[in-house]
Every structure is written in structure tokens, then in C-alpha cells.
Amino acid sequence: MQALTNRVKQVERKPMSMWEKMYLPAIAKGMSITFGHMFKKRPTVNYPEKTRPFSPVFRGLHVLNRDEEGRERCTACGLCAVACPAEAITMEAAERLPGEEKLYREEKYAAKYEINMLRCIFCGLCEEACPKDAIYLSETFAPANYTRKGFIYGKDELLIPDPVTQPEEFAKAQGNRAK
């Protein structure tokens, strides 16, 4: 025990001056920092009235694209589902029937197309894997929801409006994206 106390050095404390005892320099320094923050621009955005500008490479909600004639571009090849590391995309293929040439571009189309947004990591690999440019990630972000089923988007929610019958909605859905 004696040896242990000999090794411990005593901390020398110099006495505080009268100016330091009043803590005025510390208070003045703290107040200057506080007033400096009061007059800076706030990083918070009042969301419903104003929106934050997103990066040009922002990846948001998925959109199933149409061609110029309003036909679906997706041919249900399944490359997007295979490329998805989170396995968030599921699809079922079907054959085009006679008389459906105005609806689907190819003989095969996606009868069922779902994306589970709770699993999606917004990596963009599905967009890169698609040979027909049928899917892309838009500039809108996923809205909040209260149920799990609300985050599973079907083909009807993902499909962009028809450019022939709904040109205004089609232009709005495309945003800044020029296809």
C-alpha cells in the first residue's frame, strides 16, 4: 500500500485570481456563443410550406414507365427482381392476348408487379438492370403510412399516367426527367 501511494502524484492547483473567481470571462464567452447562434440562418425547413432541395442524384419512389404511345414498357423479364439485393420486387408474367396491342409493348407483360418499400434500400440497381427503361427512381420520396400493407406498392400505384389520354399528369409525374 505504501508503494502505491508513493507513485500517485499530487495535482498542483494554482489559486484562482479575483477575475476568475467572479466567472465573468466564462459567462461572457458563453453568451457570445449563444448570441452568435441566435442570428445564424436556421437549418430547419418549415416542411409543408417549403421543401428542401434534393440532390440531383436523389433516388426516390419507383415509377413504371410507358412509351410514347402509352403502352407499358415492362416485359416482365425479371432482371430488376434478380438485381435487387433486398429482394423487394416481385412480379408475375402473363401473355398478351389478341386485342391488347395498345396496352402492352411486347408479347409478355407484368400481370402483377409489387415493390415492398419497407425492404427497398433505394440503391437503383433495378433501374440499371432494366433493358427497356421500364422502371426508374423518381424525385419524390416515400410518404409515411400507418400499416405495412400501405408500403407495398402494386402496379396500379407504380405505373406512370398515360401520355396519350393524360398528358398533364404524365408531364407532372416525369418531373425534371426527360425521357
Protein backbone atom coordinates (compact mmCIF):
# COMPACT_ATOMS: atom_id res chain seq x y z
CA MET A 1 0.00 0.00 0.00
CA GLN A 2 2.87 2.33 0.83
CA ALA A 3 4.39 1.79 -2.62
CA LEU A 4 1.11 2.64 -4.34
CA THR A 5 0.71 5.97 -2.54
CA ASN A 6 4.28 6.95 -3.36
CA ARG A 7 3.61 6.55 -7.09
CA VAL A 8 0.49 8.75 -7.15
CA LYS A 9 1.46 12.38 -7.72
CA GLN A 10 -0.47 15.20 -6.24
CA VAL A 11 -2.08 17.60 -8.70
CA GLU A 12 -0.92 21.11 -8.06
CA ARG A 13 -3.68 23.68 -8.13
CA LYS A 14 -2.73 27.27 -8.52
CA PRO A 15 -5.03 29.70 -6.79
CA MET A 16 -7.64 31.50 -8.94
CA SER A 17 -7.36 35.21 -9.45
CA MET A 18 -10.12 37.57 -8.39
CA TRP A 19 -11.27 37.95 -12.06
CA GLU A 20 -11.55 34.14 -12.45
CA LYS A 21 -13.44 33.78 -9.18
CA MET A 22 -16.22 36.01 -10.49
CA TYR A 23 -16.63 33.73 -13.60
CA LEU A 24 -17.24 36.79 -15.78
CA PRO A 25 -14.96 35.72 -18.64
CA ALA A 26 -16.66 32.31 -18.83
CA ILE A 27 -20.14 33.87 -18.76
CA ALA A 28 -19.20 36.41 -21.45
CA LYS A 29 -17.77 33.65 -23.65
CA GLY A 30 -20.92 31.53 -23.25
CA MET A 31 -23.21 34.47 -24.02
CA SER A 32 -21.21 35.38 -27.13
CA ILE A 33 -21.62 31.80 -28.44
CA THR A 34 -25.37 31.88 -27.67
CA PHE A 35 -25.92 35.23 -29.39
CA GLY A 36 -23.86 34.07 -32.35
CA HIS A 37 -26.20 31.10 -32.84
CA MET A 38 -29.31 33.25 -32.45
CA PHE A 39 -28.53 35.29 -35.56
CA LYS A 40 -27.41 32.43 -37.83
CA LYS A 41 -29.64 31.03 -40.58
CA ARG A 42 -31.72 28.15 -39.26
CA PRO A 43 -31.17 24.76 -40.93
CA THR A 44 -34.77 23.71 -40.23
CA VAL A 45 -37.22 23.86 -43.13
CA ASN A 46 -40.92 24.53 -42.49
CA TYR A 47 -41.91 21.47 -44.49
CA PRO A 48 -45.45 21.83 -45.76
CA GLU A 49 -44.87 25.42 -46.90
CA LYS A 50 -41.31 24.97 -48.15
CA THR A 51 -39.50 21.93 -49.49
CA ARG A 52 -35.84 21.15 -49.15
CA PRO A 53 -33.92 20.97 -52.44
CA PHE A 54 -32.76 17.43 -53.15
CA SER A 55 -29.52 16.33 -54.70
CA PRO A 56 -29.58 15.69 -58.47
CA VAL A 57 -28.71 12.04 -57.79
CA PHE A 58 -31.53 11.56 -55.24
CA ARG A 59 -33.36 8.24 -55.65
CA GLY A 60 -36.98 8.28 -54.56
CA LEU A 61 -40.10 6.29 -55.34
CA HIS A 62 -40.13 3.80 -58.19
CA VAL A 63 -42.11 4.51 -61.36
CA LEU A 64 -43.08 2.06 -64.09
CA ASN A 65 -42.63 3.88 -67.37
CA ARG A 66 -44.71 3.90 -70.57
CA ASP A 67 -43.65 4.51 -74.14
CA GLU A 68 -44.78 7.44 -76.32
CA GLU A 69 -47.94 5.59 -77.37
CA GLY A 70 -49.00 4.89 -73.78
CA ARG A 71 -48.06 1.19 -73.75
CA GLU A 72 -46.31 -0.34 -70.75
CA ARG A 73 -42.59 -0.78 -71.28
CA CYS A 74 -42.16 -3.63 -68.78
CA THR A 75 -41.77 -7.01 -70.45
CA ALA A 76 -41.61 -8.98 -67.18
CA CYS A 77 -38.08 -10.21 -67.88
CA GLY A 78 -37.36 -10.25 -64.14
CA LEU A 79 -33.93 -8.64 -64.31
CA CYS A 80 -34.94 -5.92 -61.86
CA ALA A 81 -36.12 -8.52 -59.32
CA VAL A 82 -32.88 -10.50 -59.73
CA ALA A 83 -30.72 -7.37 -59.40
CA CYS A 84 -32.49 -6.19 -56.22
CA PRO A 85 -30.22 -7.04 -53.25
CA ALA A 86 -33.08 -6.61 -50.77
CA GLU A 87 -35.44 -8.85 -52.78
CA ALA A 88 -38.11 -6.15 -52.61
CA ILE A 89 -39.51 -6.68 -56.12
CA THR A 90 -41.93 -9.46 -57.02
CA MET A 91 -43.62 -9.95 -60.38
CA GLU A 92 -45.73 -12.41 -62.31
CA ALA A 93 -45.61 -12.57 -66.09
CA ALA A 94 -48.53 -13.11 -68.44
CA GLU A 95 -49.02 -13.46 -72.20
CA ARG A 96 -50.61 -10.64 -74.15
CA LEU A 97 -54.00 -11.55 -75.57
CA PRO A 98 -55.19 -10.58 -79.05
CA GLY A 99 -56.55 -7.03 -78.99
CA GLU A 100 -54.22 -5.86 -76.17
CA GLU A 101 -51.54 -4.50 -78.50
CA LYS A 102 -52.36 -0.93 -77.43
CA LEU A 103 -51.80 -1.80 -73.75
CA TYR A 104 -48.54 -3.75 -73.82
CA ARG A 105 -45.45 -3.28 -75.92
CA GLU A 106 -44.29 -6.90 -76.10
CA GLU A 107 -45.98 -10.31 -76.12
CA LYS A 108 -45.13 -10.80 -72.45
CA TYR A 109 -46.05 -8.28 -69.75
CA ALA A 110 -46.09 -7.99 -65.96
CA ALA A 111 -49.54 -9.04 -64.78
CA LYS A 112 -48.52 -8.44 -61.16
CA TYR A 113 -45.69 -6.10 -60.15
CA GLU A 114 -45.09 -5.21 -56.50
CA ILE A 115 -42.35 -3.39 -54.63
CA ASN A 116 -42.10 -3.68 -50.87
CA MET A 117 -40.83 -0.25 -49.85
CA LEU A 118 -40.01 -1.47 -46.33
CA ARG A 119 -37.40 -3.78 -47.85
CA CYS A 120 -36.17 -1.44 -50.59
CA ILE A 121 -32.82 0.24 -49.96
CA PHE A 122 -33.14 2.69 -52.92
CA CYS A 123 -29.88 1.51 -54.45
CA GLY A 124 -31.04 1.95 -58.07
CA LEU A 125 -29.83 -1.45 -59.26
CA CYS A 126 -33.31 -2.26 -60.61
CA GLU A 127 -33.15 0.87 -62.75
CA GLU A 128 -29.72 -0.08 -64.11
CA ALA A 129 -30.71 -3.70 -64.77
CA CYS A 130 -33.82 -2.94 -66.84
CA PRO A 131 -33.07 -3.27 -70.58
CA LYS A 132 -36.28 -1.47 -71.61
CA ASP A 133 -36.02 1.57 -69.28
CA ALA A 134 -39.31 0.44 -67.79
CA ILE A 135 -38.50 1.36 -64.20
CA TYR A 136 -36.79 4.39 -62.75
CA LEU A 137 -36.50 6.04 -59.37
CA SER A 138 -38.30 9.38 -59.31
CA GLU A 139 -37.56 12.55 -57.37
CA THR A 140 -40.37 12.06 -54.85
CA PHE A 141 -39.81 10.41 -51.51
CA ALA A 142 -41.88 7.66 -49.89
CA PRO A 143 -44.78 9.07 -47.86
CA ALA A 144 -45.45 7.97 -44.30
CA ASN A 145 -48.03 5.29 -43.65
CA TYR A 146 -49.56 3.53 -40.66
CA THR A 147 -49.80 -0.03 -41.95
CA ARG A 148 -47.36 -2.45 -43.54
CA LYS A 149 -49.70 -3.05 -46.49
CA GLY A 150 -49.54 0.67 -47.29
CA PHE A 151 -45.84 0.29 -48.10
CA ILE A 152 -46.34 -2.47 -50.66
CA TYR A 153 -46.92 -0.68 -53.95
CA GLY A 154 -48.69 -2.54 -56.72
CA LYS A 155 -48.58 -2.00 -60.45
CA ASP A 156 -51.51 0.45 -60.36
CA GLU A 157 -49.65 2.78 -57.95
CA LEU A 158 -46.30 2.50 -59.74
CA LEU A 159 -47.45 2.97 -63.33
CA ILE A 160 -46.96 6.45 -64.76
CA PRO A 161 -50.11 8.09 -66.26
CA ASP A 162 -50.85 7.50 -69.94
CA PRO A 163 -49.16 10.22 -72.07
CA VAL A 164 -51.88 9.99 -74.74
CA THR A 165 -55.01 10.27 -72.56
CA GLN A 166 -53.49 12.17 -69.57
CA PRO A 167 -50.67 14.40 -70.89
CA GLU A 168 -50.72 16.87 -67.95
CA GLU A 169 -50.45 14.12 -65.32
CA PHE A 170 -47.78 12.39 -67.39
CA ALA A 171 -45.64 15.57 -67.55
CA LYS A 172 -46.09 16.17 -63.82
CA ALA A 173 -45.14 12.58 -62.98
CA GLN A 174 -42.00 12.77 -65.10
CA GLY A 175 -40.81 15.93 -63.33
CA ASN A 176 -37.37 17.10 -64.48
CA ARG A 177 -36.69 13.74 -66.09
CA ALA A 178 -36.61 13.99 -69.88
CA LYS A 179 -37.24 10.56 -71.43
